[in-house]
Structures are given as C-alpha cells and as structure tokens.
Amino acid sequence: MSDATEFVSFTLGNVTVSGFVTAGELSQMHSGEVVDVLLRHVIAVHGDVGEEVPLGDVACTFIGGEPSPFVPPRS
C-alpha cells in the first residue's frame, strides 16, 4: 500500500466510499485546498444493499474538503 496509510471514508447519497490516502494528501484535503488524490484500495457500499464492492484505486479531486465531480482547469 506504499505510504497511503491514512483511512478516509465519506458518504455520497446512499453510498459509503472508503479508501486510503497519504498523510500529505489527507492534510491538503482537510485544509480545503483543491487537490487531486489517488484513493487506494477503494471499497463502496450501498446503504440499501450492504455488499462491499471493491473499486481498486480511484483518482478523485477534492475541493473544499469534499469530493468533487468537477476538475478545475489547470493553469
């Protein structure tokens, strides 16, 4: 798992997503920065089903500490 040792979990609608990030990525996420992270060993669980679905590694952009479907333009 390399240096991705920090566990993160968040809920999107009725789906809970969890995985691991590096300490630096977690710090940037908590500070509210716009940050691209690679969530490692991601597991998704739908609240009505309860079955874990492994998604592997997932690239994600966080804005204001929240996952965002929007990727800001790079300058």
PDB file of N, CA and C in Angstrom:
ATOM      1  N   MET A   1       0.826  -1.183   0.000  1.00  0.00           N
ATOM      2  CA  MET A   1       0.000   0.000   0.000  1.00  0.00           C
ATOM      3  C   MET A   1       0.871   1.247   0.000  1.00  0.00           C
ATOM      4  N   SER A   2       2.131   1.136  -0.079  1.00  0.00           N
ATOM      5  CA  SER A   2       3.085   2.248  -0.094  1.00  0.00           C
ATOM      6  C   SER A   2       2.875   3.143   1.110  1.00  0.00           C
ATOM      7  N   ASP A   3       2.875   4.448   0.895  1.00  0.00           N
ATOM      8  CA  ASP A   3       2.742   5.387   2.008  1.00  0.00           C
ATOM      9  C   ASP A   3       1.315   5.876   2.182  1.00  0.00           C
ATOM     10  N   ALA A   4       0.359   5.235   1.545  1.00  0.00           N
ATOM     11  CA  ALA A   4      -1.060   5.584   1.702  1.00  0.00           C
ATOM     12  C   ALA A   4      -1.601   4.835   2.912  1.00  0.00           C
ATOM     13  N   THR A   5      -1.431   5.421   4.079  1.00  0.00           N
ATOM     14  CA  THR A   5      -1.784   4.751   5.324  1.00  0.00           C
ATOM     15  C   THR A   5      -2.944   5.418   6.055  1.00  0.00           C
ATOM     16  N   GLU A   6      -3.432   6.536   5.528  1.00  0.00           N
ATOM     17  CA  GLU A   6      -4.492   7.276   6.208  1.00  0.00           C
ATOM     18  C   GLU A   6      -5.848   6.852   5.650  1.00  0.00           C
ATOM     19  N   PHE A   7      -6.716   6.359   6.523  1.00  0.00           N
ATOM     20  CA  PHE A   7      -8.037   5.883   6.127  1.00  0.00           C
ATOM     21  C   PHE A   7      -8.992   7.061   5.966  1.00  0.00           C
ATOM     22  N   VAL A   8      -9.740   7.099   4.872  1.00  0.00           N
ATOM     23  CA  VAL A   8     -10.774   8.110   4.663  1.00  0.00           C
ATOM     24  C   VAL A   8     -12.068   7.408   4.293  1.00  0.00           C
ATOM     25  N   SER A   9     -13.169   8.021   4.682  1.00  0.00           N
ATOM     26  CA  SER A   9     -14.484   7.488   4.367  1.00  0.00           C
ATOM     27  C   SER A   9     -15.446   8.652   4.232  1.00  0.00           C
ATOM     28  N   PHE A  10     -16.295   8.599   3.227  1.00  0.00           N
ATOM     29  CA  PHE A  10     -17.299   9.640   3.052  1.00  0.00           C
ATOM     30  C   PHE A  10     -18.522   9.027   2.395  1.00  0.00           C
ATOM     31  N   THR A  11     -19.649   9.712   2.553  1.00  0.00           N
ATOM     32  CA  THR A  11     -20.902   9.216   2.015  1.00  0.00           C
ATOM     33  C   THR A  11     -21.382  10.126   0.902  1.00  0.00           C
ATOM     34  N   LEU A  12     -21.731   9.523  -0.201  1.00  0.00           N
ATOM     35  CA  LEU A  12     -22.272  10.237  -1.351  1.00  0.00           C
ATOM     36  C   LEU A  12     -23.665   9.659  -1.604  1.00  0.00           C
ATOM     37  N   GLY A  13     -24.688  10.409  -1.265  1.00  0.00           N
ATOM     38  CA  GLY A  13     -26.041   9.871  -1.365  1.00  0.00           C
ATOM     39  C   GLY A  13     -26.204   8.741  -0.372  1.00  0.00           C
ATOM     40  N   ASN A  14     -26.494   7.563  -0.865  1.00  0.00           N
ATOM     41  CA  ASN A  14     -26.657   6.400  -0.008  1.00  0.00           C
ATOM     42  C   ASN A  14     -25.505   5.403  -0.178  1.00  0.00           C
ATOM     43  N   VAL A  15     -24.371   5.907  -0.679  1.00  0.00           N
ATOM     44  CA  VAL A  15     -23.211   5.060  -0.904  1.00  0.00           C
ATOM     45  C   VAL A  15     -22.048   5.551  -0.040  1.00  0.00           C
ATOM     46  N   THR A  16     -21.486   4.661   0.740  1.00  0.00           N
ATOM     47  CA  THR A  16     -20.305   4.981   1.530  1.00  0.00           C
ATOM     48  C   THR A  16     -19.075   4.509   0.768  1.00  0.00           C
ATOM     49  N   VAL A  17     -18.107   5.404   0.634  1.00  0.00           N
ATOM     50  CA  VAL A  17     -16.868   5.116  -0.077  1.00  0.00           C
ATOM     51  C   VAL A  17     -15.726   5.239   0.919  1.00  0.00           C
ATOM     52  N   SER A  18     -14.836   4.263   0.934  1.00  0.00           N
ATOM     53  CA  SER A  18     -13.683   4.333   1.825  1.00  0.00           C
ATOM     54  C   SER A  18     -12.440   3.874   1.087  1.00  0.00           C
ATOM     55  N   GLY A  19     -11.296   4.368   1.568  1.00  0.00           N
ATOM     56  CA  GLY A  19     -10.021   4.008   0.975  1.00  0.00           C
ATOM     57  C   GLY A  19      -8.883   4.620   1.776  1.00  0.00           C
ATOM     58  N   PHE A  20      -7.712   4.657   1.186  1.00  0.00           N
ATOM     59  CA  PHE A  20      -6.522   5.152   1.861  1.00  0.00           C
ATOM     60  C   PHE A  20      -5.841   6.220   1.023  1.00  0.00           C
ATOM     61  N   VAL A  21      -5.300   7.239   1.705  1.00  0.00           N
ATOM     62  CA  VAL A  21      -4.523   8.299   1.070  1.00  0.00           C
ATOM     63  C   VAL A  21      -3.237   8.491   1.865  1.00  0.00           C
ATOM     64  N   THR A  22      -2.321   9.272   1.320  1.00  0.00           N
ATOM     65  CA  THR A  22      -1.093   9.584   2.055  1.00  0.00           C
ATOM     66  C   THR A  22      -1.391  10.650   3.108  1.00  0.00           C
ATOM     67  N   ALA A  23      -0.499  10.799   4.056  1.00  0.00           N
ATOM     68  CA  ALA A  23      -0.658  11.825   5.091  1.00  0.00           C
ATOM     69  C   ALA A  23      -0.684  13.223   4.464  1.00  0.00           C
ATOM     70  N   GLY A  24       0.126  13.452   3.446  1.00  0.00           N
ATOM     71  CA  GLY A  24       0.146  14.751   2.767  1.00  0.00           C
ATOM     72  C   GLY A  24      -1.157  15.043   2.053  1.00  0.00           C
ATOM     73  N   GLU A  25      -1.702  14.031   1.373  1.00  0.00           N
ATOM     74  CA  GLU A  25      -2.985  14.205   0.688  1.00  0.00           C
ATOM     75  C   GLU A  25      -4.095  14.494   1.691  1.00  0.00           C
ATOM     76  N   LEU A  26      -4.086  13.782   2.813  1.00  0.00           N
ATOM     77  CA  LEU A  26      -5.103  13.997   3.837  1.00  0.00           C
ATOM     78  C   LEU A  26      -5.019  15.412   4.394  1.00  0.00           C
ATOM     79  N   SER A  27      -3.812  15.881   4.629  1.00  0.00           N
ATOM     80  CA  SER A  27      -3.618  17.243   5.127  1.00  0.00           C
ATOM     81  C   SER A  27      -4.175  18.274   4.150  1.00  0.00           C
ATOM     82  N   GLN A  28      -3.902  18.090   2.860  1.00  0.00           N
ATOM     83  CA  GLN A  28      -4.418  19.004   1.842  1.00  0.00           C
ATOM     84  C   GLN A  28      -5.942  18.928   1.769  1.00  0.00           C
ATOM     85  N   MET A  29      -6.497  17.739   1.875  1.00  0.00           N
ATOM     86  CA  MET A  29      -7.952  17.588   1.840  1.00  0.00           C
ATOM     87  C   MET A  29      -8.590  18.338   3.001  1.00  0.00           C
ATOM     88  N   HIS A  30      -8.019  18.200   4.206  1.00  0.00           N
ATOM     89  CA  HIS A  30      -8.574  18.858   5.394  1.00  0.00           C
ATOM     90  C   HIS A  30      -8.403  20.369   5.347  1.00  0.00           C
ATOM     91  N   SER A  31      -7.398  20.849   4.644  1.00  0.00           N
ATOM     92  CA  SER A  31      -7.173  22.301   4.585  1.00  0.00           C
ATOM     93  C   SER A  31      -8.128  22.985   3.606  1.00  0.00           C
ATOM     94  N   GLY A  32      -8.853  22.191   2.816  1.00  0.00           N
ATOM     95  CA  GLY A  32      -9.799  22.760   1.871  1.00  0.00           C
ATOM     96  C   GLY A  32      -9.200  23.093   0.521  1.00  0.00           C
ATOM     97  N   GLU A  33      -7.942  22.759   0.319  1.00  0.00           N
ATOM     98  CA  GLU A  33      -7.292  23.015  -0.964  1.00  0.00           C
ATOM     99  C   GLU A  33      -7.946  22.217  -2.081  1.00  0.00           C
ATOM    100  N   VAL A  34      -7.763  22.675  -3.301  1.00  0.00           N
ATOM    101  CA  VAL A  34      -8.117  21.865  -4.459  1.00  0.00           C
ATOM    102  C   VAL A  34      -6.968  20.886  -4.639  1.00  0.00           C
ATOM    103  N   VAL A  35      -7.270  19.617  -4.525  1.00  0.00           N
ATOM    104  CA  VAL A  35      -6.206  18.617  -4.567  1.00  0.00           C
ATOM    105  C   VAL A  35      -6.686  17.372  -5.316  1.00  0.00           C
ATOM    106  N   ASP A  36      -5.835  16.871  -6.177  1.00  0.00           N
ATOM    107  CA  ASP A  36      -6.076  15.600  -6.855  1.00  0.00           C
ATOM    108  C   ASP A  36      -5.416  14.509  -6.022  1.00  0.00           C
ATOM    109  N   VAL A  37      -6.176  13.490  -5.694  1.00  0.00           N
ATOM    110  CA  VAL A  37      -5.625  12.391  -4.909  1.00  0.00           C
ATOM    111  C   VAL A  37      -5.924  11.074  -5.603  1.00  0.00           C
ATOM    112  N   LEU A  38      -5.159  10.085  -5.256  1.00  0.00           N
ATOM    113  CA  LEU A  38      -5.435   8.728  -5.697  1.00  0.00           C
ATOM    114  C   LEU A  38      -5.892   7.963  -4.461  1.00  0.00           C
ATOM    115  N   LEU A  39      -7.201   7.698  -4.396  1.00  0.00           N
ATOM    116  CA  LEU A  39      -7.735   6.885  -3.306  1.00  0.00           C
ATOM    117  C   LEU A  39      -7.354   5.442  -3.596  1.00  0.00           C
ATOM    118  N   ARG A  40      -6.663   4.814  -2.648  1.00  0.00           N
ATOM    119  CA  ARG A  40      -6.181   3.459  -2.860  1.00  0.00           C
ATOM    120  C   ARG A  40      -7.079   2.444  -2.163  1.00  0.00           C
ATOM    121  N   HIS A  41      -7.227   1.297  -2.780  1.00  0.00           N
ATOM    122  CA  HIS A  41      -7.992   0.181  -2.213  1.00  0.00           C
ATOM    123  C   HIS A  41      -9.408   0.622  -1.836  1.00  0.00           C
ATOM    124  N   VAL A  42     -10.088   1.254  -2.769  1.00  0.00           N
ATOM    125  CA  VAL A  42     -11.414   1.815  -2.528  1.00  0.00           C
ATOM    126  C   VAL A  42     -12.474   0.703  -2.459  1.00  0.00           C
ATOM    127  N   ILE A  43     -13.338   0.868  -1.476  1.00  0.00           N
ATOM    128  CA  ILE A  43     -14.488  -0.020  -1.296  1.00  0.00           C
ATOM    129  C   ILE A  43     -15.734   0.868  -1.266  1.00  0.00           C
ATOM    130  N   ALA A  44     -16.769   0.485  -2.011  1.00  0.00           N
ATOM    131  CA  ALA A  44     -18.039   1.197  -1.987  1.00  0.00           C
ATOM    132  C   ALA A  44     -19.100   0.262  -1.408  1.00  0.00           C
ATOM    133  N   VAL A  45     -19.988   0.838  -0.595  1.00  0.00           N
ATOM    134  CA  VAL A  45     -21.076   0.062  -0.010  1.00  0.00           C
ATOM    135  C   VAL A  45     -22.365   0.858  -0.152  1.00  0.00           C
ATOM    136  N   HIS A  46     -23.347   0.295  -0.843  1.00  0.00           N
ATOM    137  CA  HIS A  46     -24.649   0.945  -0.970  1.00  0.00           C
ATOM    138  C   HIS A  46     -25.447   0.654   0.298  1.00  0.00           C
ATOM    139  N   GLY A  47     -26.029   1.692   0.873  1.00  0.00           N
ATOM    140  CA  GLY A  47     -26.733   1.551   2.140  1.00  0.00           C
ATOM    141  C   GLY A  47     -27.885   0.561   2.115  1.00  0.00           C
ATOM    142  N   ASP A  48     -28.562   0.426   0.979  1.00  0.00           N
ATOM    143  CA  ASP A  48     -29.704  -0.484   0.894  1.00  0.00           C
ATOM    144  C   ASP A  48     -29.297  -1.925   0.620  1.00  0.00           C
ATOM    145  N   VAL A  49     -28.098  -2.119   0.098  1.00  0.00           N
ATOM    146  CA  VAL A  49     -27.650  -3.458  -0.263  1.00  0.00           C
ATOM    147  C   VAL A  49     -26.695  -4.025   0.779  1.00  0.00           C
ATOM    148  N   GLY A  50     -25.737  -3.199   1.199  1.00  0.00           N
ATOM    149  CA  GLY A  50     -24.803  -3.612   2.232  1.00  0.00           C
ATOM    150  C   GLY A  50     -23.617  -4.416   1.744  1.00  0.00           C
ATOM    151  N   GLU A  51     -23.605  -4.779   0.481  1.00  0.00           N
ATOM    152  CA  GLU A  51     -22.498  -5.573  -0.060  1.00  0.00           C
ATOM    153  C   GLU A  51     -21.331  -4.659  -0.435  1.00  0.00           C
ATOM    154  N   GLU A  52     -20.126  -5.058  -0.050  1.00  0.00           N
ATOM    155  CA  GLU A  52     -18.923  -4.296  -0.401  1.00  0.00           C
ATOM    156  C   GLU A  52     -18.573  -4.537  -1.866  1.00  0.00           C
ATOM    157  N   VAL A  53     -18.267  -3.448  -2.564  1.00  0.00           N
ATOM    158  CA  VAL A  53     -17.849  -3.549  -3.960  1.00  0.00           C
ATOM    159  C   VAL A  53     -16.444  -2.947  -4.057  1.00  0.00           C
ATOM    160  N   PRO A  54     -15.428  -3.765  -4.287  1.00  0.00           N
ATOM    161  CA  PRO A  54     -14.067  -3.241  -4.418  1.00  0.00           C
ATOM    162  C   PRO A  54     -13.905  -2.519  -5.759  1.00  0.00           C
ATOM    163  N   LEU A  55     -13.373  -1.301  -5.712  1.00  0.00           N
ATOM    164  CA  LEU A  55     -13.182  -0.495  -6.920  1.00  0.00           C
ATOM    165  C   LEU A  55     -11.713  -0.300  -7.276  1.00  0.00           C
ATOM    166  N   GLY A  56     -10.821  -0.810  -6.444  1.00  0.00           N
ATOM    167  CA  GLY A  56      -9.391  -0.627  -6.720  1.00  0.00           C
ATOM    168  C   GLY A  56      -8.950   0.779  -6.370  1.00  0.00           C
ATOM    169  N   ASP A  57      -8.059   1.344  -7.174  1.00  0.00           N
ATOM    170  CA  ASP A  57      -7.563   2.704  -6.961  1.00  0.00           C
ATOM    171  C   ASP A  57      -8.378   3.662  -7.824  1.00  0.00           C
ATOM    172  N   VAL A  58      -8.810   4.770  -7.224  1.00  0.00           N
ATOM    173  CA  VAL A  58      -9.684   5.717  -7.914  1.00  0.00           C
ATOM    174  C   VAL A  58      -9.110   7.128  -7.787  1.00  0.00           C
ATOM    175  N   ALA A  59      -8.902   7.795  -8.921  1.00  0.00           N
ATOM    176  CA  ALA A  59      -8.463   9.189  -8.914  1.00  0.00           C
ATOM    177  C   ALA A  59      -9.654  10.071  -8.570  1.00  0.00           C
ATOM    178  N   CYS A  60      -9.427  11.067  -7.721  1.00  0.00           N
ATOM    179  CA  CYS A  60     -10.514  11.929  -7.271  1.00  0.00           C
ATOM    180  C   CYS A  60      -9.979  13.331  -7.004  1.00  0.00           C
ATOM    181  N   THR A  61     -10.788  14.337  -7.293  1.00  0.00           N
ATOM    182  CA  THR A  61     -10.454  15.719  -6.972  1.00  0.00           C
ATOM    183  C   THR A  61     -11.285  16.145  -5.775  1.00  0.00           C
ATOM    184  N   PHE A  62     -10.631  16.743  -4.787  1.00  0.00           N
ATOM    185  CA  PHE A  62     -11.323  17.284  -3.622  1.00  0.00           C
ATOM    186  C   PHE A  62     -11.242  18.801  -3.685  1.00  0.00           C
ATOM    187  N   ILE A  63     -12.371  19.447  -3.435  1.00  0.00           N
ATOM    188  CA  ILE A  63     -12.439  20.906  -3.388  1.00  0.00           C
ATOM    189  C   ILE A  63     -13.153  21.264  -2.094  1.00  0.00           C
ATOM    190  N   GLY A  64     -12.523  22.090  -1.274  1.00  0.00           N
ATOM    191  CA  GLY A  64     -13.130  22.467  -0.004  1.00  0.00           C
ATOM    192  C   GLY A  64     -13.333  21.296   0.935  1.00  0.00           C
ATOM    193  N   GLY A  65     -12.492  20.288   0.825  1.00  0.00           N
ATOM    194  CA  GLY A  65     -12.571  19.130   1.702  1.00  0.00           C
ATOM    195  C   GLY A  65     -13.595  18.088   1.287  1.00  0.00           C
ATOM    196  N   GLU A  66     -14.258  18.306   0.168  1.00  0.00           N
ATOM    197  CA  GLU A  66     -15.286  17.385  -0.305  1.00  0.00           C
ATOM    198  C   GLU A  66     -14.916  16.837  -1.683  1.00  0.00           C
ATOM    199  N   PRO A  67     -15.280  15.578  -1.968  1.00  0.00           N
ATOM    200  CA  PRO A  67     -15.036  15.052  -3.313  1.00  0.00           C
ATOM    201  C   PRO A  67     -15.871  15.840  -4.327  1.00  0.00           C
ATOM    202  N   SER A  68     -15.298  16.098  -5.481  1.00  0.00           N
ATOM    203  CA  SER A  68     -15.973  16.914  -6.476  1.00  0.00           C
ATOM    204  C   SER A  68     -16.004  16.200  -7.818  1.00  0.00           C
ATOM    205  N   PRO A  69     -17.132  16.277  -8.509  1.00  0.00           N
ATOM    206  CA  PRO A  69     -17.182  15.722  -9.865  1.00  0.00           C
ATOM    207  C   PRO A  69     -16.541  16.671 -10.878  1.00  0.00           C
ATOM    208  N   PHE A  70     -16.218  17.877 -10.430  1.00  0.00           N
ATOM    209  CA  PHE A  70     -15.657  18.899 -11.319  1.00  0.00           C
ATOM    210  C   PHE A  70     -14.150  18.996 -11.120  1.00  0.00           C
ATOM    211  N   VAL A  71     -13.432  18.983 -12.184  1.00  0.00           N
ATOM    212  CA  VAL A  71     -11.981  19.159 -12.133  1.00  0.00           C
ATOM    213  C   VAL A  71     -11.687  20.572 -12.612  1.00  0.00           C
ATOM    214  N   PRO A  72     -11.117  21.416 -11.739  1.00  0.00           N
ATOM    215  CA  PRO A  72     -10.848  22.801 -12.146  1.00  0.00           C
ATOM    216  C   PRO A  72      -9.799  22.849 -13.257  1.00  0.00           C
ATOM    217  N   PRO A  73      -9.891  23.868 -14.119  1.00  0.00           N
ATOM    218  CA  PRO A  73      -8.891  23.993 -15.193  1.00  0.00           C
ATOM    219  C   PRO A  73      -7.499  24.222 -14.616  1.00  0.00           C
ATOM    220  N   ARG A  74      -6.539  23.620 -15.232  1.00  0.00           N
ATOM    221  CA  ARG A  74      -5.139  23.796 -14.802  1.00  0.00           C
ATOM    222  C   ARG A  74      -4.540  24.980 -15.531  1.00  0.00           C
ATOM    223  N   SER A  75      -3.803  25.800 -14.805  1.00  0.00           N
ATOM    224  CA  SER A  75      -3.177  26.961 -15.448  1.00  0.00           C
ATOM    225  C   SER A  75      -1.741  26.681 -15.834  1.00  0.00           C
TER     226      SER A  75
END
